[in-house]
Each structure stands twice: as structure tokens, then as C-alpha cells.
Amino acid sequence: MIPKQAKAAKVQTTIRSSVTFRGKGLHSGRRAQMTVHPASAGMGVWFRRTDVIGCDAMIAARWSSVCNATLCTEISNEAGVRVSTIEHLMAALAGCGIHNALIEIDGPEVPILDGSAAPFAAGFLARGVRELEDAPLMLFQVLRPVEVRVGDAVARLDPAETLEIAFSIAFEDAAIGTQQKHLVMANGAFLRELSDSRTFCRQADVDDMRARGLALGGEPGENAVVFDGDRVSSPGGLRHKDEPVRHKMLDALGDLALAGAPILGRYTGHRAGHAMTNRLLRALFADPTAYRLVECDEVRRRDLPGARISRADIPAVA
């Protein structure tokens, strides 16, 4: 039984009613239909492959389920059933403050839509977010620095009062160059500043991926930004002059959401990607002295990514 005083704490949430998204996968090119349903308190976020018969089709959206994080984040269960490119969807759930959801999908890859998280967030907020009574929200509070390095790439978590994300990138392509940005993820900052930033790549990478049977659903200008040396080769150009680093921050939020609860800490990434963020979460949870679970109160809740937001916070592209 939950003590009476727990009711003063901020509770878990879910989406008010189901919402469906349709589109093709960025890498497979395969079309999929995906429906995000409300879920009960304590369930967290799960995927169910509706096209899989005869074995376990449920996959937990958790750091420990990540089986591949080379070009996107892919999760699997013990039966080998997989869902890939989940990071933009996870970022939208986290950015809208949705803690519990069942995601049914009839294929192996989440639709890329426009390459950002904005269409997902717009769909969620059009349905609304519902609080789940008598279900306190727990948070992972970072207690001391945790860092992983691979070559020049660094991902790090430090103690902080709320979630902060700082990111820097450096590319030889002059159209990207060196970019850096830092945001406190409160008061709708994710929706306003990051949600509409699209996935990006270099033209040489596109050619290489397609030679390997990947990026089959990528369409420059439609769902990805392509850079070629000193120019943006995608029709329509950029939504932000620093759209690449903003998208990296979007990805980081989505990958951090696989912790299973909101994080109180400062994430710093330099040339980091999906694999680095997953390694960072594995390092964090491998050390019980580096974090603790705390119950969310109203003061902490006001500064979490999904607090005090509205549909108006999402840029008009969605």
C-alpha cells in the first residue's frame, strides 16, 4: 500500500488514447504501421511486434535490451525479436513526459517520418498525457561522475539538479564543421529547441550505407539532411544552422530514456553516438555507488523534460 504522503509526489503518466503513425524505415525502407497505446503504472515502455507469431513478441525499451547501436538504436528480446531506430520515438516520449506505453508495430523498424521527433511529439500531445493515480514517479539521481571513452569519443554523466545535455561535434565537412550546444531540459526546451532537428549524414556515408543495403528509406530533404563538403545537398536546407548538434542531443535524450526512468544528471557527449550512450548507461548501472533512486516531488517534476509543455512548444514543421 502506498503511504498517504506519496500522493504529494508527482505521479507516473501515460498517453490518454492511442495514436498511430505510418511510414517507412530509414534503413530497411520497409513500410510499417505503429500504434502507441496507453499503459498501466509501472509497466514502462514496451514494444510488441504484431507481425511475429509463435514466439515472444514483447521487447522492453531498456538499455539492457540494446543489441546494436552502430547507426541507430536497436533492441531485442531473448527470442531474437528486434525493433530498430527507436531513438526518435523514445526522445519524443521522454520529451512529452510519458513514462508508460505499449507500442505495437508490424515490422522491424520504427517509421522515420520526417527524420526528427516532432511528428511523434505532436501526435502524443494531440491525444494528451494522463496522470496515473497512486503511482509515484521514481528518478535516477547521478551521485558521482561516470565516463566512457572510445578514441576521441566521450560520453559522461555528472551530478545535476535536473537533466542537462551538452554536446559537441566536429566534422571535416565545412557545412557541418565544429558545433556545440548545452541545454537544461526543462520548460519545454526539448520540444522547442531539439524536437524538429532531423537525422543527418555525409554524402560519402550515404553511398557507403546504400552499397551495404542500408539507408534504403532515406530521402534527402524528406527525412534526412545530407551534407557534401561545403554544401547542404538536401532540398530545403536546414531548419537550424546547428541542426546536426541539435539532432545529436535529440538522439542522446532518446537513448538516455532507455534508463527506464528520468535521469537527474548532466550528460556530456563529444563525438558520441548511440553506442557510447548505451555504454555510459551500462557503466552507470554497473556501479551502485554512482546513482540512487529518489521519489519525484513537485519541485523536481517542474524541471523534468515533460513538465509545463503544450502543443504550441513544437515547431510548425510537425
C-alpha atoms as a PDB file:
ATOM      1  CA  MET A   1       0.000   0.000   0.000  1.00  0.00           C
ATOM      2  CA  ILE A   2       1.343   3.444  -0.944  1.00  0.00           C
ATOM      3  CA  PRO A   3       1.704   5.799   2.055  1.00  0.00           C
ATOM      4  CA  LYS A   4      -0.591   8.835   2.003  1.00  0.00           C
ATOM      5  CA  GLN A   5       2.331  11.236   1.792  1.00  0.00           C
ATOM      6  CA  ALA A   6       3.357   9.678  -1.561  1.00  0.00           C
ATOM      7  CA  LYS A   7       0.303  11.301  -3.150  1.00  0.00           C
ATOM      8  CA  ALA A   8       2.031  14.647  -2.814  1.00  0.00           C
ATOM      9  CA  ALA A   9       4.766  13.428  -5.105  1.00  0.00           C
ATOM     10  CA  LYS A  10       4.439  13.677  -8.869  1.00  0.00           C
ATOM     11  CA  VAL A  11       2.966  10.549 -10.382  1.00  0.00           C
ATOM     12  CA  GLN A  12       3.679   8.461 -13.444  1.00  0.00           C
ATOM     13  CA  THR A  13       1.915   9.180 -16.722  1.00  0.00           C
ATOM     14  CA  THR A  14       0.740   7.577 -19.927  1.00  0.00           C
ATOM     15  CA  ILE A  15      -0.844   8.772 -23.158  1.00  0.00           C
ATOM     16  CA  ARG A  16      -4.592   9.456 -22.912  1.00  0.00           C
ATOM     17  CA  SER A  17      -5.573   7.474 -26.005  1.00  0.00           C
ATOM     18  CA  SER A  18      -3.870   5.510 -28.760  1.00  0.00           C
ATOM     19  CA  VAL A  19      -2.167   7.223 -31.680  1.00  0.00           C
ATOM     20  CA  THR A  20      -0.984   5.607 -34.932  1.00  0.00           C
ATOM     21  CA  PHE A  21       1.984   6.508 -37.132  1.00  0.00           C
ATOM     22  CA  ARG A  22       2.695   5.108 -40.594  1.00  0.00           C
ATOM     23  CA  GLY A  23       5.799   5.376 -42.738  1.00  0.00           C
ATOM     24  CA  LYS A  24       8.931   3.673 -43.958  1.00  0.00           C
ATOM     25  CA  GLY A  25      12.021   2.693 -42.035  1.00  0.00           C
ATOM     26  CA  LEU A  26      15.157   4.766 -42.624  1.00  0.00           C
ATOM     27  CA  HIS A  27      17.469   1.785 -43.147  1.00  0.00           C
ATOM     28  CA  SER A  28      15.164  -1.020 -44.296  1.00  0.00           C
ATOM     29  CA  GLY A  29      12.913   1.101 -46.497  1.00  0.00           C
ATOM     30  CA  ARG A  30      10.105  -1.156 -45.297  1.00  0.00           C
ATOM     31  CA  ARG A  31       6.747   0.450 -44.524  1.00  0.00           C
ATOM     32  CA  ALA A  32       5.326  -0.059 -41.052  1.00  0.00           C
ATOM     33  CA  GLN A  33       2.300   0.867 -39.009  1.00  0.00           C
ATOM     34  CA  MET A  34       2.972   1.675 -35.369  1.00  0.00           C
ATOM     35  CA  THR A  35       0.409   2.426 -32.656  1.00  0.00           C
ATOM     36  CA  VAL A  36       1.314   3.835 -29.256  1.00  0.00           C
ATOM     37  CA  HIS A  37      -1.211   2.741 -26.614  1.00  0.00           C
ATOM     38  CA  PRO A  38      -1.799   3.815 -23.002  1.00  0.00           C
ATOM     39  CA  ALA A  39      -0.225   1.527 -20.395  1.00  0.00           C
ATOM     40  CA  SER A  40      -0.609   0.992 -16.677  1.00  0.00           C
ATOM     41  CA  ALA A  41       1.661   2.385 -13.982  1.00  0.00           C
ATOM     42  CA  GLY A  42       4.944   0.584 -13.519  1.00  0.00           C
ATOM     43  CA  MET A  43       4.872  -1.027 -16.970  1.00  0.00           C
ATOM     44  CA  GLY A  44       7.347   1.374 -18.538  1.00  0.00           C
ATOM     45  CA  VAL A  45       7.757   1.366 -22.323  1.00  0.00           C
ATOM     46  CA  TRP A  46       7.450  -1.879 -24.276  1.00  0.00           C
ATOM     47  CA  PHE A  47       7.324  -2.761 -27.967  1.00  0.00           C
ATOM     48  CA  ARG A  48       5.225  -5.605 -29.380  1.00  0.00           C
ATOM     49  CA  ARG A  49       5.838  -6.929 -32.886  1.00  0.00           C
ATOM     50  CA  THR A  50       2.344  -7.691 -34.196  1.00  0.00           C
ATOM     51  CA  ASP A  51       3.778  -9.486 -37.233  1.00  0.00           C
ATOM     52  CA  VAL A  52       5.639 -12.049 -35.112  1.00  0.00           C
ATOM     53  CA  ILE A  53       3.819 -15.327 -34.399  1.00  0.00           C
ATOM     54  CA  GLY A  54       4.965 -18.366 -32.455  1.00  0.00           C
ATOM     55  CA  CYS A  55       7.444 -16.723 -30.099  1.00  0.00           C
ATOM     56  CA  ASP A  56       7.737 -13.890 -27.598  1.00  0.00           C
ATOM     57  CA  ALA A  57       6.993 -10.644 -29.445  1.00  0.00           C
ATOM     58  CA  MET A  58       7.434  -8.276 -26.474  1.00  0.00           C
ATOM     59  CA  ILE A  59      10.628  -6.194 -26.162  1.00  0.00           C
ATOM     60  CA  ALA A  60      11.413  -3.928 -23.227  1.00  0.00           C
ATOM     61  CA  ALA A  61      12.664  -0.446 -24.126  1.00  0.00           C
ATOM     62  CA  ARG A  62      15.647  -0.704 -21.779  1.00  0.00           C
ATOM     63  CA  TRP A  63      19.395  -0.141 -22.000  1.00  0.00           C
ATOM     64  CA  SER A  64      19.939  -3.847 -21.331  1.00  0.00           C
ATOM     65  CA  SER A  65      17.859  -4.761 -24.426  1.00  0.00           C
ATOM     66  CA  VAL A  66      20.113  -2.869 -26.850  1.00  0.00           C
ATOM     67  CA  CYS A  67      21.669  -5.362 -29.258  1.00  0.00           C
ATOM     68  CA  ASN A  68      23.051  -2.990 -31.889  1.00  0.00           C
ATOM     69  CA  ALA A  69      23.833   0.722 -31.774  1.00  0.00           C
ATOM     70  CA  THR A  70      26.015   1.285 -34.824  1.00  0.00           C
ATOM     71  CA  LEU A  71      23.822   3.554 -36.984  1.00  0.00           C
ATOM     72  CA  CYS A  72      20.694   3.576 -34.827  1.00  0.00           C
ATOM     73  CA  THR A  73      19.458   2.054 -31.583  1.00  0.00           C
ATOM     74  CA  GLU A  74      18.109  -1.474 -31.937  1.00  0.00           C
ATOM     75  CA  ILE A  75      16.628  -3.583 -29.145  1.00  0.00           C
ATOM     76  CA  SER A  76      15.807  -7.278 -28.950  1.00  0.00           C
ATOM     77  CA  ASN A  77      14.388  -9.886 -26.584  1.00  0.00           C
ATOM     78  CA  GLU A  78      15.689 -13.352 -25.686  1.00  0.00           C
ATOM     79  CA  ALA A  79      13.799 -14.860 -28.633  1.00  0.00           C
ATOM     80  CA  GLY A  80      15.798 -12.665 -31.010  1.00  0.00           C
ATOM     81  CA  VAL A  81      12.842 -10.465 -31.986  1.00  0.00           C
ATOM     82  CA  ARG A  82      14.064  -6.963 -32.795  1.00  0.00           C
ATOM     83  CA  VAL A  83      12.924  -3.383 -33.340  1.00  0.00           C
ATOM     84  CA  SER A  84      15.330  -0.746 -34.640  1.00  0.00           C
ATOM     85  CA  THR A  85      15.622   3.039 -34.971  1.00  0.00           C
ATOM     86  CA  ILE A  86      13.706   3.625 -31.743  1.00  0.00           C
ATOM     87  CA  GLU A  87      15.671   6.695 -30.591  1.00  0.00           C
ATOM     88  CA  HIS A  88      13.481   9.480 -32.047  1.00  0.00           C
ATOM     89  CA  LEU A  89      10.320   7.875 -30.684  1.00  0.00           C
ATOM     90  CA  MET A  90      11.933   7.410 -27.259  1.00  0.00           C
ATOM     91  CA  ALA A  91      13.065  11.045 -27.274  1.00  0.00           C
ATOM     92  CA  ALA A  92       9.500  12.181 -28.001  1.00  0.00           C
ATOM     93  CA  LEU A  93       8.114  10.053 -25.162  1.00  0.00           C
ATOM     94  CA  ALA A  94      10.705  11.449 -22.747  1.00  0.00           C
ATOM     95  CA  GLY A  95      10.253  14.995 -24.017  1.00  0.00           C
ATOM     96  CA  CYS A  96       6.495  14.763 -23.501  1.00  0.00           C
ATOM     97  CA  GLY A  97       6.876  13.239 -20.050  1.00  0.00           C
ATOM     98  CA  ILE A  98       5.260   9.890 -20.930  1.00  0.00           C
ATOM     99  CA  HIS A  99       6.548   7.098 -18.677  1.00  0.00           C
ATOM    100  CA  ASN A 100       4.358   4.133 -19.668  1.00  0.00           C
ATOM    101  CA  ALA A 101       3.324   2.995 -23.146  1.00  0.00           C
ATOM    102  CA  LEU A 102       2.755  -0.147 -25.209  1.00  0.00           C
ATOM    103  CA  ILE A 103       3.989   0.304 -28.776  1.00  0.00           C
ATOM    104  CA  GLU A 104       2.606  -2.138 -31.330  1.00  0.00           C
ATOM    105  CA  ILE A 105       4.429  -2.288 -34.647  1.00  0.00           C
ATOM    106  CA  ASP A 106       4.005  -4.579 -37.649  1.00  0.00           C
ATOM    107  CA  GLY A 107       7.623  -4.529 -38.783  1.00  0.00           C
ATOM    108  CA  PRO A 108      11.238  -4.456 -37.604  1.00  0.00           C
ATOM    109  CA  GLU A 109      11.869  -0.702 -37.840  1.00  0.00           C
ATOM    110  CA  VAL A 110      10.137   2.388 -36.444  1.00  0.00           C
ATOM    111  CA  PRO A 111       8.922   4.739 -39.222  1.00  0.00           C
ATOM    112  CA  ILE A 112      11.394   7.571 -39.741  1.00  0.00           C
ATOM    113  CA  LEU A 113       8.647  10.100 -40.664  1.00  0.00           C
ATOM    114  CA  ASP A 114      10.489  13.419 -41.241  1.00  0.00           C
ATOM    115  CA  GLY A 115      13.703  12.281 -39.535  1.00  0.00           C
ATOM    116  CA  SER A 116      13.019  14.139 -36.283  1.00  0.00           C
ATOM    117  CA  ALA A 117      10.951  13.593 -33.131  1.00  0.00           C
ATOM    118  CA  ALA A 118       8.465  16.401 -33.799  1.00  0.00           C
ATOM    119  CA  PRO A 119       5.744  14.325 -35.551  1.00  0.00           C
ATOM    120  CA  PHE A 120       5.766  11.820 -32.686  1.00  0.00           C
ATOM    121  CA  ALA A 121       5.569  14.559 -30.062  1.00  0.00           C
ATOM    122  CA  ALA A 122       2.757  16.308 -31.947  1.00  0.00           C
ATOM    123  CA  GLY A 123       0.800  13.052 -32.075  1.00  0.00           C
ATOM    124  CA  PHE A 124       1.233  12.459 -28.353  1.00  0.00           C
ATOM    125  CA  LEU A 125       0.226  15.963 -27.311  1.00  0.00           C
ATOM    126  CA  ALA A 126      -2.794  15.880 -29.630  1.00  0.00           C
ATOM    127  CA  ARG A 127      -4.016  12.907 -27.572  1.00  0.00           C
ATOM    128  CA  GLY A 128      -2.895  14.337 -24.236  1.00  0.00           C
ATOM    129  CA  VAL A 129      -0.975  12.954 -21.273  1.00  0.00           C
ATOM    130  CA  ARG A 130      -2.807  11.301 -18.358  1.00  0.00           C
ATOM    131  CA  GLU A 131      -1.551  11.000 -14.794  1.00  0.00           C
ATOM    132  CA  LEU A 132      -1.809   7.568 -13.163  1.00  0.00           C
ATOM    133  CA  GLU A 133      -3.144   7.827  -9.628  1.00  0.00           C
ATOM    134  CA  ASP A 134      -1.197   6.485  -6.649  1.00  0.00           C
ATOM    135  CA  ALA A 135       1.853   5.725  -8.806  1.00  0.00           C
ATOM    136  CA  PRO A 136       4.828   7.812  -7.622  1.00  0.00           C
ATOM    137  CA  LEU A 137       7.445   8.620 -10.233  1.00  0.00           C
ATOM    138  CA  MET A 138      10.953   7.456  -9.394  1.00  0.00           C
ATOM    139  CA  LEU A 139      14.095   9.150 -10.740  1.00  0.00           C
ATOM    140  CA  PHE A 140      17.706   8.057 -11.187  1.00  0.00           C
ATOM    141  CA  GLN A 141      19.864  10.647  -9.442  1.00  0.00           C
ATOM    142  CA  VAL A 142      23.505  10.649 -10.548  1.00  0.00           C
ATOM    143  CA  LEU A 143      25.752  10.804  -7.458  1.00  0.00           C
ATOM    144  CA  ARG A 144      29.223  10.959  -8.959  1.00  0.00           C
ATOM    145  CA  PRO A 145      30.834  11.258 -12.412  1.00  0.00           C
ATOM    146  CA  VAL A 146      30.672   8.277 -14.770  1.00  0.00           C
ATOM    147  CA  GLU A 147      32.549   8.415 -18.090  1.00  0.00           C
ATOM    148  CA  VAL A 148      33.273   6.198 -21.069  1.00  0.00           C
ATOM    149  CA  ARG A 149      35.794   6.879 -23.835  1.00  0.00           C
ATOM    150  CA  VAL A 150      36.477   5.264 -27.191  1.00  0.00           C
ATOM    151  CA  GLY A 151      39.205   7.044 -29.155  1.00  0.00           C
ATOM    152  CA  ASP A 152      38.177  10.699 -29.428  1.00  0.00           C
ATOM    153  CA  ALA A 153      34.582   9.976 -28.422  1.00  0.00           C
ATOM    154  CA  VAL A 154      33.476  10.743 -24.864  1.00  0.00           C
ATOM    155  CA  ALA A 155      30.184  10.310 -23.026  1.00  0.00           C
ATOM    156  CA  ARG A 156      29.851  11.374 -19.405  1.00  0.00           C
ATOM    157  CA  LEU A 157      27.273  11.817 -16.647  1.00  0.00           C
ATOM    158  CA  ASP A 158      27.778  14.232 -13.758  1.00  0.00           C
ATOM    159  CA  PRO A 159      25.533  15.119 -10.822  1.00  0.00           C
ATOM    160  CA  ALA A 160      22.993  17.878 -11.539  1.00  0.00           C
ATOM    161  CA  GLU A 161      19.669  19.079 -10.134  1.00  0.00           C
ATOM    162  CA  THR A 162      17.786  18.151 -13.304  1.00  0.00           C
ATOM    163  CA  LEU A 163      18.589  16.696 -16.725  1.00  0.00           C
ATOM    164  CA  GLU A 164      21.069  18.707 -18.772  1.00  0.00           C
ATOM    165  CA  ILE A 165      22.554  17.768 -22.138  1.00  0.00           C
ATOM    166  CA  ALA A 166      25.763  19.245 -23.539  1.00  0.00           C
ATOM    167  CA  PHE A 167      27.075  18.047 -26.885  1.00  0.00           C
ATOM    168  CA  SER A 168      29.895  18.871 -29.271  1.00  0.00           C
ATOM    169  CA  ILE A 169      30.678  17.522 -32.728  1.00  0.00           C
ATOM    170  CA  ALA A 170      33.483  18.005 -35.228  1.00  0.00           C
ATOM    171  CA  PHE A 171      33.305  17.037 -38.915  1.00  0.00           C
ATOM    172  CA  GLU A 172      35.676  17.666 -41.790  1.00  0.00           C
ATOM    173  CA  ASP A 173      32.766  18.750 -43.964  1.00  0.00           C
ATOM    174  CA  ALA A 174      32.778  22.546 -43.886  1.00  0.00           C
ATOM    175  CA  ALA A 175      28.975  22.662 -43.979  1.00  0.00           C
ATOM    176  CA  ILE A 176      28.948  20.971 -40.556  1.00  0.00           C
ATOM    177  CA  GLY A 177      32.316  21.835 -39.033  1.00  0.00           C
ATOM    178  CA  THR A 178      32.510  22.180 -35.249  1.00  0.00           C
ATOM    179  CA  GLN A 179      29.286  22.706 -33.320  1.00  0.00           C
ATOM    180  CA  GLN A 180      28.393  22.670 -29.639  1.00  0.00           C
ATOM    181  CA  LYS A 181      25.285  23.298 -27.583  1.00  0.00           C
ATOM    182  CA  HIS A 182      24.105  22.978 -23.989  1.00  0.00           C
ATOM    183  CA  LEU A 183      20.509  22.879 -22.739  1.00  0.00           C
ATOM    184  CA  VAL A 184      18.765  22.405 -19.431  1.00  0.00           C
ATOM    185  CA  MET A 185      15.954  20.073 -20.464  1.00  0.00           C
ATOM    186  CA  ALA A 186      13.173  21.924 -18.630  1.00  0.00           C
ATOM    187  CA  ASN A 187      10.126  24.021 -19.517  1.00  0.00           C
ATOM    188  CA  GLY A 188       9.658  22.524 -22.966  1.00  0.00           C
ATOM    189  CA  ALA A 189      13.275  23.053 -24.081  1.00  0.00           C
ATOM    190  CA  PHE A 190      13.308  19.703 -25.879  1.00  0.00           C
ATOM    191  CA  LEU A 191      10.164  20.472 -27.851  1.00  0.00           C
ATOM    192  CA  ARG A 192      11.169  24.000 -28.793  1.00  0.00           C
ATOM    193  CA  GLU A 193      14.900  23.576 -29.373  1.00  0.00           C
ATOM    194  CA  LEU A 194      15.516  19.962 -30.433  1.00  0.00           C
ATOM    195  CA  SER A 195      12.394  18.070 -31.456  1.00  0.00           C
ATOM    196  CA  ASP A 196      12.337  19.202 -35.111  1.00  0.00           C
ATOM    197  CA  SER A 197      16.054  18.570 -35.802  1.00  0.00           C
ATOM    198  CA  ARG A 198      16.476  15.811 -38.373  1.00  0.00           C
ATOM    199  CA  THR A 199      18.899  12.958 -38.733  1.00  0.00           C
ATOM    200  CA  PHE A 200      21.876  13.841 -40.891  1.00  0.00           C
ATOM    201  CA  CYS A 201      24.787  12.234 -42.699  1.00  0.00           C
ATOM    202  CA  ARG A 202      27.556  12.912 -45.191  1.00  0.00           C
ATOM    203  CA  GLN A 203      27.082  12.057 -48.870  1.00  0.00           C
ATOM    204  CA  ALA A 204      30.017   9.649 -48.700  1.00  0.00           C
ATOM    205  CA  ASP A 205      28.299   7.839 -45.821  1.00  0.00           C
ATOM    206  CA  VAL A 206      25.059   7.596 -47.805  1.00  0.00           C
ATOM    207  CA  ASP A 207      26.894   5.996 -50.705  1.00  0.00           C
ATOM    208  CA  ASP A 208      28.630   3.542 -48.370  1.00  0.00           C
ATOM    209  CA  MET A 209      25.433   2.595 -46.498  1.00  0.00           C
ATOM    210  CA  ARG A 210      23.455   2.012 -49.668  1.00  0.00           C
ATOM    211  CA  ALA A 211      26.252  -0.165 -51.010  1.00  0.00           C
ATOM    212  CA  ARG A 212      25.745  -2.273 -47.874  1.00  0.00           C
ATOM    213  CA  GLY A 213      21.954  -2.387 -48.242  1.00  0.00           C
ATOM    214  CA  LEU A 214      21.267   0.303 -45.644  1.00  0.00           C
ATOM    215  CA  ALA A 215      19.614   3.752 -45.692  1.00  0.00           C
ATOM    216  CA  LEU A 216      17.147   2.377 -48.232  1.00  0.00           C
ATOM    217  CA  GLY A 217      14.378   4.598 -46.859  1.00  0.00           C
ATOM    218  CA  GLY A 218      16.442   7.770 -46.676  1.00  0.00           C
ATOM    219  CA  GLU A 219      15.234  10.694 -48.780  1.00  0.00           C
ATOM    220  CA  PRO A 220      17.287  13.930 -48.624  1.00  0.00           C
ATOM    221  CA  GLY A 221      15.070  16.805 -47.587  1.00  0.00           C
ATOM    222  CA  GLU A 222      12.158  14.486 -46.784  1.00  0.00           C
ATOM    223  CA  ASN A 223      13.545  12.603 -43.777  1.00  0.00           C
ATOM    224  CA  ALA A 224      17.273  13.356 -43.610  1.00  0.00           C
ATOM    225  CA  VAL A 225      19.768  16.162 -44.098  1.00  0.00           C
ATOM    226  CA  VAL A 226      22.707  15.284 -46.349  1.00  0.00           C
ATOM    227  CA  PHE A 227      25.963  17.237 -46.330  1.00  0.00           C
ATOM    228  CA  ASP A 228      28.510  17.154 -49.122  1.00  0.00           C
ATOM    229  CA  GLY A 229      31.678  19.062 -48.332  1.00  0.00           C
ATOM    230  CA  ASP A 230      30.807  22.734 -48.009  1.00  0.00           C
ATOM    231  CA  ARG A 231      27.178  22.459 -49.042  1.00  0.00           C
ATOM    232  CA  VAL A 232      23.848  21.114 -47.813  1.00  0.00           C
ATOM    233  CA  SER A 233      22.667  18.931 -50.670  1.00  0.00           C
ATOM    234  CA  SER A 234      19.186  18.333 -49.269  1.00  0.00           C
ATOM    235  CA  PRO A 235      16.335  20.371 -50.784  1.00  0.00           C
ATOM    236  CA  GLY A 236      15.042  22.995 -48.382  1.00  0.00           C
ATOM    237  CA  GLY A 237      18.294  23.394 -46.457  1.00  0.00           C
ATOM    238  CA  LEU A 238      18.460  23.425 -42.654  1.00  0.00           C
ATOM    239  CA  ARG A 239      15.841  24.061 -40.004  1.00  0.00           C
ATOM    240  CA  HIS A 240      18.571  25.386 -37.670  1.00  0.00           C
ATOM    241  CA  LYS A 241      22.072  26.498 -38.584  1.00  0.00           C
ATOM    242  CA  ASP A 242      23.347  23.996 -35.983  1.00  0.00           C
ATOM    243  CA  GLU A 243      20.786  21.287 -36.767  1.00  0.00           C
ATOM    244  CA  PRO A 244      23.382  18.447 -36.619  1.00  0.00           C
ATOM    245  CA  VAL A 245      24.409  19.017 -32.991  1.00  0.00           C
ATOM    246  CA  ARG A 246      20.771  19.549 -32.024  1.00  0.00           C
ATOM    247  CA  HIS A 247      19.900  16.200 -33.562  1.00  0.00           C
ATOM    248  CA  LYS A 248      22.747  14.553 -31.657  1.00  0.00           C
ATOM    249  CA  MET A 249      21.210  15.929 -28.457  1.00  0.00           C
ATOM    250  CA  LEU A 250      17.805  14.587 -29.526  1.00  0.00           C
ATOM    251  CA  ASP A 251      19.351  11.150 -30.032  1.00  0.00           C
ATOM    252  CA  ALA A 252      21.042  11.353 -26.635  1.00  0.00           C
ATOM    253  CA  LEU A 253      17.737  12.054 -24.887  1.00  0.00           C
ATOM    254  CA  GLY A 254      16.128   9.098 -26.646  1.00  0.00           C
ATOM    255  CA  ASP A 255      18.971   6.771 -25.715  1.00  0.00           C
ATOM    256  CA  LEU A 256      19.032   8.042 -22.110  1.00  0.00           C
ATOM    257  CA  ALA A 257      15.294   7.304 -21.894  1.00  0.00           C
ATOM    258  CA  LEU A 258      16.252   3.616 -22.032  1.00  0.00           C
ATOM    259  CA  ALA A 259      17.343   4.007 -18.399  1.00  0.00           C
ATOM    260  CA  GLY A 260      13.718   3.225 -17.576  1.00  0.00           C
ATOM    261  CA  ALA A 261      13.134   6.386 -15.508  1.00  0.00           C
ATOM    262  CA  PRO A 262      14.070  10.063 -15.860  1.00  0.00           C
ATOM    263  CA  ILE A 263      17.680  10.920 -15.021  1.00  0.00           C
ATOM    264  CA  LEU A 264      18.824  13.760 -12.794  1.00  0.00           C
ATOM    265  CA  GLY A 265      22.272  14.499 -14.142  1.00  0.00           C
ATOM    266  CA  ARG A 266      24.305  16.350 -16.751  1.00  0.00           C
ATOM    267  CA  TYR A 267      25.054  14.336 -19.889  1.00  0.00           C
ATOM    268  CA  THR A 268      28.103  15.472 -21.862  1.00  0.00           C
ATOM    269  CA  GLY A 269      28.829  13.986 -25.263  1.00  0.00           C
ATOM    270  CA  HIS A 270      31.743  14.694 -27.588  1.00  0.00           C
ATOM    271  CA  ARG A 271      31.659  12.877 -30.912  1.00  0.00           C
ATOM    272  CA  ALA A 272      29.441  10.381 -29.133  1.00  0.00           C
ATOM    273  CA  GLY A 273      26.684   8.304 -30.672  1.00  0.00           C
ATOM    274  CA  HIS A 274      24.130   5.646 -29.784  1.00  0.00           C
ATOM    275  CA  ALA A 275      26.731   3.065 -28.795  1.00  0.00           C
ATOM    276  CA  MET A 276      28.565   5.470 -26.497  1.00  0.00           C
ATOM    277  CA  THR A 277      25.388   6.492 -24.669  1.00  0.00           C
ATOM    278  CA  ASN A 278      24.433   2.859 -24.182  1.00  0.00           C
ATOM    279  CA  ARG A 279      27.919   2.086 -22.841  1.00  0.00           C
ATOM    280  CA  LEU A 280      27.523   5.011 -20.469  1.00  0.00           C
ATOM    281  CA  LEU A 281      24.226   3.669 -19.090  1.00  0.00           C
ATOM    282  CA  ARG A 282      25.765   0.226 -18.671  1.00  0.00           C
ATOM    283  CA  ALA A 283      28.669   1.793 -16.763  1.00  0.00           C
ATOM    284  CA  LEU A 284      26.286   3.804 -14.583  1.00  0.00           C
ATOM    285  CA  PHE A 285      24.126   0.851 -13.595  1.00  0.00           C
ATOM    286  CA  ALA A 286      27.152  -1.401 -13.076  1.00  0.00           C
ATOM    287  CA  ASP A 287      28.187   0.843 -10.167  1.00  0.00           C
ATOM    288  CA  PRO A 288      25.552   1.079  -7.386  1.00  0.00           C
ATOM    289  CA  THR A 289      27.535   3.907  -5.765  1.00  0.00           C
ATOM    290  CA  ALA A 290      27.125   6.141  -8.823  1.00  0.00           C
ATOM    291  CA  TYR A 291      23.347   6.627  -8.568  1.00  0.00           C
ATOM    292  CA  ARG A 292      20.320   6.245  -6.372  1.00  0.00           C
ATOM    293  CA  LEU A 293      16.568   6.060  -6.882  1.00  0.00           C
ATOM    294  CA  VAL A 294      14.656   9.030  -5.493  1.00  0.00           C
ATOM    295  CA  GLU A 295      10.951   9.767  -5.474  1.00  0.00           C
ATOM    296  CA  CYS A 296       9.953  12.717  -7.610  1.00  0.00           C
ATOM    297  CA  ASP A 297       8.412  15.625  -5.744  1.00  0.00           C
ATOM    298  CA  GLU A 298       6.702  18.649  -7.252  1.00  0.00           C
ATOM    299  CA  VAL A 299       9.875  20.748  -7.185  1.00  0.00           C
ATOM    300  CA  ARG A 300      11.851  18.167  -9.194  1.00  0.00           C
ATOM    301  CA  ARG A 301       8.924  17.487 -11.523  1.00  0.00           C
ATOM    302  CA  ARG A 302       8.741  21.128 -12.624  1.00  0.00           C
ATOM    303  CA  ASP A 303      12.200  20.816 -14.163  1.00  0.00           C
ATOM    304  CA  LEU A 304      11.816  17.468 -15.941  1.00  0.00           C
ATOM    305  CA  PRO A 305      11.605  17.480 -19.775  1.00  0.00           C
ATOM    306  CA  GLY A 306       7.853  16.809 -19.966  1.00  0.00           C
ATOM    307  CA  ALA A 307       6.713  19.404 -17.442  1.00  0.00           C
ATOM    308  CA  ARG A 308       4.798  22.564 -18.344  1.00  0.00           C
ATOM    309  CA  ILE A 309       4.605  21.855 -22.075  1.00  0.00           C
ATOM    310  CA  SER A 310       1.966  22.379 -24.747  1.00  0.00           C
ATOM    311  CA  ARG A 311       1.427  21.640 -28.424  1.00  0.00           C
ATOM    312  CA  ALA A 312       2.489  25.243 -29.131  1.00  0.00           C
ATOM    313  CA  ASP A 313       6.019  24.384 -27.997  1.00  0.00           C
ATOM    314  CA  ILE A 314       6.531  22.163 -31.052  1.00  0.00           C
ATOM    315  CA  PRO A 315       7.817  23.996 -34.156  1.00  0.00           C
ATOM    316  CA  ALA A 316       5.351  24.315 -37.009  1.00  0.00           C
ATOM    317  CA  VAL A 317       7.063  21.594 -39.083  1.00  0.00           C
ATOM    318  CA  ALA A 318       5.200  18.822 -37.226  1.00  0.00           C
END
